[in-house]
Each structure stands twice: as C-alpha cells, then as structure tokens.
Amino acid sequence: MPLFVSTASHVTRNHQMSQGKRLRRRWLLVLALLLAILAGCKTGTPAGTFGCADQIVISEEAATSVEARVRQAIDNGDSVSIVVTNEEATSYLRLRQQFLPLRDAVICFKANEIRLEGLFALSEKTELQIQANLTASVQDGLVQVEAQDIAVNGINLPGWARNTIEKPINDALADVRPNFRVDEISPSEGSLLIEGEME
C-alpha cells in the first residue's frame, strides 16, 4: 500500500510541475510581449499587413488530412517525409490546438519563410494583434525558429524583444518533440516540407 501511495504522489507531483512549467512559460511570453510593446512604442516602426489570411479556408477536412498523413508517415517506417499546406497548418492550429493563447491564427508558408498572424490573449478582455515573419532551421534534430520580424498591434519590435520571444517558442518545440529526428524543414510558396527519421 505505501508503494502505491508513493507512486501516486510522484505522478501528481510530476503533473503539477508540468502545469507550473507551462504557466511560467506563458507568463514569460506575456512579460516579453509587454516589454516589447513598451520598447516598440518608442523605437518601432509601423508594420504592414501580410495579406495571406484572405486566401486560406479553414476546414475540418484539412485538419484531419494533415493528422492522417502524419500518422501514416510515422506508421510506415523509419523515414518520414510530409508536406503541409497553408490551409492544413492553419486549420490544424485553429481546430486542434485550442489550448494555445493564440486566436484566429493564420499560417502562410513562403519561400524560406513562415508567416504567422493571430490575436494573442493576455486576458479574457485583452488581446494583442501579432504578426511574425519566421525562419526555421534544424539543429541537433530539433526545429529552431528565428523571428526575422515581429509586430505587436502594428508596431515592429526591436531585436532584443524578438530574441526574448523566440526562446519560449523554441523551448516549447523541444518539449513537444515526439521520438522523431528532423533532418530538414523547408518552407516554399504555400507549403512546408518536413523530413526526418523515427528514433
């Protein structure tokens, strides 16, 4: 009996630590955004619009399609090669990842670039319009994101603020990694190619 109690309390403690870690990350991101807005108000320049949102249709079919292809690629063996379109990535993000503090998200893949737009919820009543131009690379089998430009409420953020925002994103990518080593990630016009191997 004591062994069972000890194991149960260990699982509960791990769950609480995991929740605390996610909460800390969210508040670090919020703090970074607030600092960036304050700095951006003085040093930033107005941002333009990406203009890709009107071309994307959100659908359950697109979200299901990308899920099925990922499952099939993983089930088929060691090597994995998946192409994801703007519609699939955006539909998946909106319909399957609703726990994220990002609403009305749109992902557009361009040549060597990933564009992300959405509303970041600071609280139930406060949202910030986010636009980001990102590049993705692979380092030691993990995807690493670098922000080329980030605008909050139309103000481009300075470099130090972009760097502050990148870290929690890359930490989150490392945490959700399955037993999969990424060899290549390649955005092109309208799609993203991901290649790798199961570990």
C-alpha atoms as a PDB file:
ATOM      1  CA  MET A   1       0.000   0.000   0.000  1.00  0.00           C
ATOM      2  CA  PRO A   2       2.696   2.590   0.809  1.00  0.00           C
ATOM      3  CA  LEU A   3       4.315   1.883  -2.592  1.00  0.00           C
ATOM      4  CA  PHE A   4       1.054   2.742  -4.385  1.00  0.00           C
ATOM      5  CA  VAL A   5       0.635   5.960  -2.402  1.00  0.00           C
ATOM      6  CA  SER A   6       4.228   6.936  -3.114  1.00  0.00           C
ATOM      7  CA  THR A   7       3.803   6.285  -6.848  1.00  0.00           C
ATOM      8  CA  ALA A   8       0.514   8.202  -6.978  1.00  0.00           C
ATOM      9  CA  SER A   9       2.003  11.196  -5.181  1.00  0.00           C
ATOM     10  CA  HIS A  10       5.012  11.084  -7.536  1.00  0.00           C
ATOM     11  CA  VAL A  11       2.693  11.181 -10.584  1.00  0.00           C
ATOM     12  CA  THR A  12       0.683  14.032  -9.049  1.00  0.00           C
ATOM     13  CA  ARG A  13       3.872  15.957  -8.266  1.00  0.00           C
ATOM     14  CA  ASN A  14       5.139  15.499 -11.863  1.00  0.00           C
ATOM     15  CA  HIS A  15       1.780  16.658 -13.244  1.00  0.00           C
ATOM     16  CA  GLN A  16       1.836  19.754 -11.017  1.00  0.00           C
ATOM     17  CA  MET A  17       5.428  20.524 -12.054  1.00  0.00           C
ATOM     18  CA  SER A  18       4.454  20.184 -15.733  1.00  0.00           C
ATOM     19  CA  GLN A  19       1.488  22.550 -15.283  1.00  0.00           C
ATOM     20  CA  GLY A  20       3.681  25.022 -13.415  1.00  0.00           C
ATOM     21  CA  LYS A  21       6.275  24.931 -16.195  1.00  0.00           C
ATOM     22  CA  ARG A  22       3.610  25.661 -18.856  1.00  0.00           C
ATOM     23  CA  LEU A  23       2.185  28.509 -16.766  1.00  0.00           C
ATOM     24  CA  ARG A  24       5.664  30.003 -16.247  1.00  0.00           C
ATOM     25  CA  ARG A  25       6.333  29.858 -19.998  1.00  0.00           C
ATOM     26  CA  ARG A  26       3.053  31.585 -20.776  1.00  0.00           C
ATOM     27  CA  TRP A  27       3.771  34.383 -18.305  1.00  0.00           C
ATOM     28  CA  LEU A  28       7.333  34.753 -19.611  1.00  0.00           C
ATOM     29  CA  LEU A  29       5.887  35.214 -23.082  1.00  0.00           C
ATOM     30  CA  VAL A  30       3.336  37.730 -21.776  1.00  0.00           C
ATOM     31  CA  LEU A  31       6.074  39.653 -19.967  1.00  0.00           C
ATOM     32  CA  ALA A  32       8.261  39.651 -23.078  1.00  0.00           C
ATOM     33  CA  LEU A  33       5.360  40.946 -25.189  1.00  0.00           C
ATOM     34  CA  LEU A  34       4.565  43.714 -22.712  1.00  0.00           C
ATOM     35  CA  LEU A  35       8.201  44.808 -22.547  1.00  0.00           C
ATOM     36  CA  ALA A  36       8.409  44.646 -26.311  1.00  0.00           C
ATOM     37  CA  ILE A  37       5.309  46.811 -26.712  1.00  0.00           C
ATOM     38  CA  LEU A  38       6.713  49.439 -24.375  1.00  0.00           C
ATOM     39  CA  ALA A  39      10.016  49.429 -26.243  1.00  0.00           C
ATOM     40  CA  GLY A  40       8.281  49.272 -29.604  1.00  0.00           C
ATOM     41  CA  CYS A  41       6.217  52.351 -28.871  1.00  0.00           C
ATOM     42  CA  LYS A  42       9.437  54.352 -28.717  1.00  0.00           C
ATOM     43  CA  THR A  43      11.714  52.591 -31.208  1.00  0.00           C
ATOM     44  CA  GLY A  44       9.494  50.549 -33.515  1.00  0.00           C
ATOM     45  CA  THR A  45       8.098  51.371 -36.911  1.00  0.00           C
ATOM     46  CA  PRO A  46       4.601  50.619 -38.179  1.00  0.00           C
ATOM     47  CA  ALA A  47       4.211  47.154 -39.669  1.00  0.00           C
ATOM     48  CA  GLY A  48       2.409  46.311 -42.889  1.00  0.00           C
ATOM     49  CA  THR A  49      -0.100  43.522 -43.346  1.00  0.00           C
ATOM     50  CA  PHE A  50       0.915  40.109 -44.652  1.00  0.00           C
ATOM     51  CA  GLY A  51      -2.199  39.741 -46.782  1.00  0.00           C
ATOM     52  CA  CYS A  52      -2.304  35.937 -46.785  1.00  0.00           C
ATOM     53  CA  ALA A  53      -5.276  35.421 -44.445  1.00  0.00           C
ATOM     54  CA  ASP A  54      -7.925  36.014 -47.119  1.00  0.00           C
ATOM     55  CA  GLN A  55      -6.552  33.144 -49.243  1.00  0.00           C
ATOM     56  CA  ILE A  56      -6.962  30.426 -46.574  1.00  0.00           C
ATOM     57  CA  VAL A  57     -10.105  28.374 -45.998  1.00  0.00           C
ATOM     58  CA  ILE A  58     -10.370  26.761 -42.543  1.00  0.00           C
ATOM     59  CA  SER A  59     -11.829  23.252 -42.655  1.00  0.00           C
ATOM     60  CA  GLU A  60     -12.172  20.105 -40.577  1.00  0.00           C
ATOM     61  CA  GLU A  61     -11.159  18.147 -43.680  1.00  0.00           C
ATOM     62  CA  ALA A  62      -7.799  19.963 -43.908  1.00  0.00           C
ATOM     63  CA  ALA A  63      -7.047  19.421 -40.194  1.00  0.00           C
ATOM     64  CA  THR A  64      -7.970  15.728 -40.444  1.00  0.00           C
ATOM     65  CA  SER A  65      -5.928  15.314 -43.636  1.00  0.00           C
ATOM     66  CA  VAL A  66      -2.689  16.521 -42.064  1.00  0.00           C
ATOM     67  CA  GLU A  67      -3.267  14.379 -38.957  1.00  0.00           C
ATOM     68  CA  ALA A  68      -3.858  11.274 -41.094  1.00  0.00           C
ATOM     69  CA  ARG A  69      -0.744  11.885 -43.218  1.00  0.00           C
ATOM     70  CA  VAL A  70       1.429  12.381 -40.136  1.00  0.00           C
ATOM     71  CA  ARG A  71       0.096   9.155 -38.571  1.00  0.00           C
ATOM     72  CA  GLN A  72       0.580   7.237 -41.820  1.00  0.00           C
ATOM     73  CA  ALA A  73       4.128   8.538 -42.296  1.00  0.00           C
ATOM     74  CA  ILE A  74       5.065   7.555 -38.740  1.00  0.00           C
ATOM     75  CA  ASP A  75       3.439   4.111 -39.062  1.00  0.00           C
ATOM     76  CA  ASN A  76       5.142   3.385 -42.396  1.00  0.00           C
ATOM     77  CA  GLY A  77       8.686   3.205 -41.127  1.00  0.00           C
ATOM     78  CA  ASP A  78      11.871   4.938 -40.218  1.00  0.00           C
ATOM     79  CA  SER A  79      11.981   7.751 -42.792  1.00  0.00           C
ATOM     80  CA  VAL A  80       9.290  10.415 -42.736  1.00  0.00           C
ATOM     81  CA  SER A  81       8.530  12.991 -45.435  1.00  0.00           C
ATOM     82  CA  ILE A  82       5.460  15.207 -45.045  1.00  0.00           C
ATOM     83  CA  VAL A  83       4.224  18.233 -46.978  1.00  0.00           C
ATOM     84  CA  VAL A  84       1.774  20.531 -45.159  1.00  0.00           C
ATOM     85  CA  THR A  85      -0.158  23.317 -46.916  1.00  0.00           C
ATOM     86  CA  ASN A  86      -1.206  26.729 -45.570  1.00  0.00           C
ATOM     87  CA  GLU A  87      -4.808  25.527 -45.230  1.00  0.00           C
ATOM     88  CA  GLU A  88      -3.813  22.337 -43.388  1.00  0.00           C
ATOM     89  CA  ALA A  89      -1.451  24.076 -40.959  1.00  0.00           C
ATOM     90  CA  THR A  90      -3.916  26.882 -40.220  1.00  0.00           C
ATOM     91  CA  SER A  91      -6.901  24.526 -39.875  1.00  0.00           C
ATOM     92  CA  TYR A  92      -4.924  22.219 -37.575  1.00  0.00           C
ATOM     93  CA  LEU A  93      -3.747  25.119 -35.415  1.00  0.00           C
ATOM     94  CA  ARG A  94      -7.236  26.613 -35.075  1.00  0.00           C
ATOM     95  CA  LEU A  95      -9.252  23.413 -34.684  1.00  0.00           C
ATOM     96  CA  ARG A  96      -6.864  21.091 -32.821  1.00  0.00           C
ATOM     97  CA  GLN A  97      -4.654  23.374 -30.718  1.00  0.00           C
ATOM     98  CA  GLN A  98      -7.316  25.444 -28.983  1.00  0.00           C
ATOM     99  CA  PHE A  99      -5.401  25.457 -25.684  1.00  0.00           C
ATOM    100  CA  LEU A 100      -2.907  27.943 -27.156  1.00  0.00           C
ATOM    101  CA  PRO A 101      -3.339  31.603 -26.163  1.00  0.00           C
ATOM    102  CA  LEU A 102      -3.474  32.478 -29.904  1.00  0.00           C
ATOM    103  CA  ARG A 103      -6.841  33.075 -31.580  1.00  0.00           C
ATOM    104  CA  ASP A 104      -7.725  33.438 -35.276  1.00  0.00           C
ATOM    105  CA  ALA A 105      -4.242  32.224 -36.188  1.00  0.00           C
ATOM    106  CA  VAL A 106      -3.168  32.074 -39.824  1.00  0.00           C
ATOM    107  CA  ILE A 107      -0.005  30.377 -41.087  1.00  0.00           C
ATOM    108  CA  CYS A 108       1.371  31.190 -44.541  1.00  0.00           C
ATOM    109  CA  PHE A 109       4.396  29.427 -45.985  1.00  0.00           C
ATOM    110  CA  LYS A 110       6.543  31.493 -48.334  1.00  0.00           C
ATOM    111  CA  ALA A 111       9.932  30.790 -49.915  1.00  0.00           C
ATOM    112  CA  ASN A 112      12.269  30.184 -46.933  1.00  0.00           C
ATOM    113  CA  GLU A 113       9.825  31.888 -44.563  1.00  0.00           C
ATOM    114  CA  ILE A 114       6.865  31.130 -42.304  1.00  0.00           C
ATOM    115  CA  ARG A 115       4.361  33.905 -41.633  1.00  0.00           C
ATOM    116  CA  LEU A 116       2.127  33.786 -38.587  1.00  0.00           C
ATOM    117  CA  GLU A 117      -0.746  36.119 -37.724  1.00  0.00           C
ATOM    118  CA  GLY A 118      -3.204  35.993 -34.855  1.00  0.00           C
ATOM    119  CA  LEU A 119      -4.582  37.507 -31.679  1.00  0.00           C
ATOM    120  CA  PHE A 120      -2.611  36.752 -28.515  1.00  0.00           C
ATOM    121  CA  ALA A 121      -4.821  36.684 -25.411  1.00  0.00           C
ATOM    122  CA  LEU A 122      -3.258  38.443 -22.438  1.00  0.00           C
ATOM    123  CA  SER A 123      -6.501  38.041 -20.512  1.00  0.00           C
ATOM    124  CA  GLU A 124     -10.178  37.418 -21.251  1.00  0.00           C
ATOM    125  CA  LYS A 125     -10.626  41.065 -22.262  1.00  0.00           C
ATOM    126  CA  THR A 126      -7.197  41.990 -23.658  1.00  0.00           C
ATOM    127  CA  GLU A 127      -5.789  40.740 -26.951  1.00  0.00           C
ATOM    128  CA  LEU A 128      -2.768  41.797 -28.976  1.00  0.00           C
ATOM    129  CA  GLN A 129      -2.561  41.545 -32.765  1.00  0.00           C
ATOM    130  CA  ILE A 130       0.607  39.554 -33.576  1.00  0.00           C
ATOM    131  CA  GLN A 131       2.319  39.289 -36.966  1.00  0.00           C
ATOM    132  CA  ALA A 132       5.583  37.393 -37.336  1.00  0.00           C
ATOM    133  CA  ASN A 133       7.971  36.510 -40.151  1.00  0.00           C
ATOM    134  CA  LEU A 134       9.866  33.422 -39.030  1.00  0.00           C
ATOM    135  CA  THR A 135      12.612  31.259 -40.442  1.00  0.00           C
ATOM    136  CA  ALA A 136      13.060  27.664 -39.372  1.00  0.00           C
ATOM    137  CA  SER A 137      16.224  25.601 -39.245  1.00  0.00           C
ATOM    138  CA  VAL A 138      17.274  22.249 -37.833  1.00  0.00           C
ATOM    139  CA  GLN A 139      19.786  21.916 -35.019  1.00  0.00           C
ATOM    140  CA  ASP A 140      20.584  18.510 -33.497  1.00  0.00           C
ATOM    141  CA  GLY A 141      17.349  17.043 -34.865  1.00  0.00           C
ATOM    142  CA  LEU A 142      15.178  19.827 -33.421  1.00  0.00           C
ATOM    143  CA  VAL A 143      13.360  22.611 -35.244  1.00  0.00           C
ATOM    144  CA  GLN A 144      14.619  26.055 -34.223  1.00  0.00           C
ATOM    145  CA  VAL A 145      12.616  29.175 -35.046  1.00  0.00           C
ATOM    146  CA  GLU A 146      14.167  32.585 -35.577  1.00  0.00           C
ATOM    147  CA  ALA A 147      11.998  35.704 -35.739  1.00  0.00           C
ATOM    148  CA  GLN A 148      13.005  37.998 -38.581  1.00  0.00           C
ATOM    149  CA  ASP A 149      10.201  40.459 -37.804  1.00  0.00           C
ATOM    150  CA  ILE A 150       7.507  40.539 -35.142  1.00  0.00           C
ATOM    151  CA  ALA A 151       4.861  43.250 -34.947  1.00  0.00           C
ATOM    152  CA  VAL A 152       2.524  43.734 -31.991  1.00  0.00           C
ATOM    153  CA  ASN A 153      -0.529  45.913 -32.634  1.00  0.00           C
ATOM    154  CA  GLY A 154       1.142  47.191 -35.798  1.00  0.00           C
ATOM    155  CA  ILE A 155       4.470  48.167 -34.188  1.00  0.00           C
ATOM    156  CA  ASN A 156       7.627  46.295 -35.243  1.00  0.00           C
ATOM    157  CA  LEU A 157       9.573  45.045 -32.243  1.00  0.00           C
ATOM    158  CA  PRO A 158      13.290  45.703 -31.760  1.00  0.00           C
ATOM    159  CA  GLY A 159      15.781  42.820 -31.990  1.00  0.00           C
ATOM    160  CA  TRP A 160      16.183  42.181 -28.264  1.00  0.00           C
ATOM    161  CA  ALA A 161      12.411  41.773 -27.882  1.00  0.00           C
ATOM    162  CA  ARG A 162      12.263  39.310 -30.793  1.00  0.00           C
ATOM    163  CA  ASN A 163      15.038  37.274 -29.165  1.00  0.00           C
ATOM    164  CA  THR A 164      13.117  37.233 -25.862  1.00  0.00           C
ATOM    165  CA  ILE A 165      10.031  35.852 -27.616  1.00  0.00           C
ATOM    166  CA  GLU A 166      11.980  33.212 -29.607  1.00  0.00           C
ATOM    167  CA  LYS A 167      13.258  31.377 -26.533  1.00  0.00           C
ATOM    168  CA  PRO A 168       9.891  30.169 -25.133  1.00  0.00           C
ATOM    169  CA  ILE A 169       8.821  29.151 -28.660  1.00  0.00           C
ATOM    170  CA  ASN A 170      11.949  27.046 -29.172  1.00  0.00           C
ATOM    171  CA  ASP A 171      11.674  25.587 -25.657  1.00  0.00           C
ATOM    172  CA  ALA A 172       8.070  24.576 -26.387  1.00  0.00           C
ATOM    173  CA  LEU A 173       9.110  22.976 -29.701  1.00  0.00           C
ATOM    174  CA  ALA A 174      11.751  20.946 -27.859  1.00  0.00           C
ATOM    175  CA  ASP A 175       9.204  19.802 -25.237  1.00  0.00           C
ATOM    176  CA  VAL A 176       6.574  18.552 -27.688  1.00  0.00           C
ATOM    177  CA  ARG A 177       9.048  16.667 -29.858  1.00  0.00           C
ATOM    178  CA  PRO A 178       7.993  13.051 -30.451  1.00  0.00           C
ATOM    179  CA  ASN A 179      10.544  10.265 -30.965  1.00  0.00           C
ATOM    180  CA  PHE A 180      11.395  11.915 -34.241  1.00  0.00           C
ATOM    181  CA  ARG A 181      14.599  13.480 -35.503  1.00  0.00           C
ATOM    182  CA  VAL A 182      14.062  16.287 -38.022  1.00  0.00           C
ATOM    183  CA  ASP A 183      16.591  16.285 -40.869  1.00  0.00           C
ATOM    184  CA  GLU A 184      15.119  19.065 -42.996  1.00  0.00           C
ATOM    185  CA  ILE A 185      12.415  21.708 -42.770  1.00  0.00           C
ATOM    186  CA  SER A 186      11.823  23.676 -45.939  1.00  0.00           C
ATOM    187  CA  PRO A 187       9.089  26.291 -46.438  1.00  0.00           C
ATOM    188  CA  SER A 188       8.119  27.177 -50.008  1.00  0.00           C
ATOM    189  CA  GLU A 189       5.228  29.085 -51.576  1.00  0.00           C
ATOM    190  CA  GLY A 190       2.075  27.624 -49.986  1.00  0.00           C
ATOM    191  CA  SER A 191       3.598  24.570 -48.289  1.00  0.00           C
ATOM    192  CA  LEU A 192       6.138  23.247 -45.798  1.00  0.00           C
ATOM    193  CA  LEU A 193       8.269  20.113 -46.281  1.00  0.00           C
ATOM    194  CA  ILE A 194       9.393  18.231 -43.168  1.00  0.00           C
ATOM    195  CA  GLU A 195      11.744  15.261 -43.483  1.00  0.00           C
ATOM    196  CA  GLY A 196      13.244  13.158 -40.745  1.00  0.00           C
ATOM    197  CA  GLU A 197      13.634   9.788 -39.096  1.00  0.00           C
ATOM    198  CA  MET A 198      11.968   7.972 -36.248  1.00  0.00           C
ATOM    199  CA  GLU A 199      14.307   7.413 -33.274  1.00  0.00           C
END
